[in-house]
Amino acid sequence: MAGALQFEIEETVGVISTNKSGWKRELNLVSWNGRPAKFDLRDWAPDHSKMGKGLTFTNDELDQLRQILNEMLTN
């Protein structure tokens, strides 16, 4: 059986939205299981004790996403 998932939120980049129950969709810099931190986009309980499914991005992936979004906004 796998061990408990360990994480450390190294930096909160920003909150995208908050739902009625107080959960927030956040972009954070997170280290998972002691690995180097990646950008992480997911829903978090107010005290960060629980989380929803999310996506992680390397710096290069986040830069590529930014470029795609910028292109969408300029068209």
Protein backbone atom coordinates (compact mmCIF):
# COMPACT_ATOMS: atom_id res chain seq x y z
CA MET A 1 0.00 0.00 0.00
CA ALA A 2 1.31 3.45 -0.90
CA GLY A 3 2.25 5.87 1.87
CA ALA A 4 0.50 9.11 2.60
CA LEU A 5 0.84 11.87 0.04
CA GLN A 6 3.14 14.58 1.35
CA PHE A 7 3.05 18.14 0.07
CA GLU A 8 4.32 21.56 0.97
CA ILE A 9 2.81 24.72 -0.49
CA GLU A 10 5.93 26.81 -1.00
CA GLU A 11 4.15 29.82 -2.45
CA THR A 12 0.57 30.86 -3.13
CA VAL A 13 0.64 32.53 -6.53
CA GLY A 14 -3.04 33.47 -6.56
CA VAL A 15 -6.65 32.54 -5.91
CA ILE A 16 -8.78 32.13 -9.04
CA SER A 17 -12.16 31.64 -7.37
CA THR A 18 -13.91 30.73 -4.10
CA ASN A 19 -17.06 28.60 -3.93
CA LYS A 20 -19.93 28.91 -1.44
CA SER A 21 -18.42 26.36 0.96
CA GLY A 22 -15.14 28.29 1.16
CA TRP A 23 -13.03 26.04 -1.06
CA LYS A 24 -10.63 28.01 -3.26
CA ARG A 25 -9.25 27.28 -6.70
CA GLU A 26 -5.61 28.27 -6.32
CA LEU A 27 -2.42 28.44 -8.34
CA ASN A 28 0.39 27.49 -5.97
CA LEU A 29 4.00 26.38 -6.11
CA VAL A 30 3.89 22.94 -4.46
CA SER A 31 6.49 20.33 -3.60
CA TRP A 32 4.99 16.82 -3.77
CA ASN A 33 6.68 14.02 -1.80
CA GLY A 34 9.89 16.03 -1.35
CA ARG A 35 10.38 16.61 -5.08
CA PRO A 36 11.19 20.01 -6.61
CA ALA A 37 8.18 22.31 -6.56
CA LYS A 38 5.89 22.65 -9.59
CA PHE A 39 3.06 25.03 -10.32
CA ASP A 40 -0.17 23.43 -9.18
CA LEU A 41 -3.77 24.36 -10.02
CA ARG A 42 -6.50 22.76 -7.89
CA ASP A 43 -9.31 23.31 -5.37
CA TRP A 44 -8.33 23.48 -1.70
CA ALA A 45 -10.33 23.37 1.54
CA PRO A 46 -10.04 26.62 3.53
CA ASP A 47 -7.38 25.11 5.85
CA HIS A 48 -5.58 23.21 3.05
CA SER A 49 -6.31 19.90 4.82
CA LYS A 50 -8.19 18.53 1.79
CA MET A 51 -7.76 19.01 -1.93
CA GLY A 52 -9.51 18.26 -5.17
CA LYS A 53 -7.98 16.82 -8.31
CA GLY A 54 -5.62 19.19 -10.02
CA LEU A 55 -2.97 19.81 -12.62
CA THR A 56 0.75 20.40 -12.17
CA PHE A 57 2.95 22.36 -14.55
CA THR A 58 6.69 22.81 -14.98
CA ASN A 59 7.95 26.33 -15.67
CA ASP A 60 8.13 25.54 -19.39
CA GLU A 61 4.59 24.12 -19.44
CA LEU A 62 3.19 27.13 -17.61
CA ASP A 63 4.96 29.45 -20.06
CA GLN A 64 3.45 27.53 -22.98
CA LEU A 65 -0.01 27.76 -21.39
CA ARG A 66 0.48 31.52 -20.98
CA GLN A 67 1.34 31.84 -24.65
CA ILE A 68 -1.77 29.87 -25.66
CA LEU A 69 -4.01 32.00 -23.43
CA ASN A 70 -2.46 35.23 -24.75
CA GLU A 71 -3.15 34.08 -28.32
CA MET A 72 -6.76 33.29 -27.40
CA LEU A 73 -7.24 36.76 -25.92
CA THR A 74 -5.76 38.58 -28.90
CA ASN A 75 -7.94 36.77 -31.47
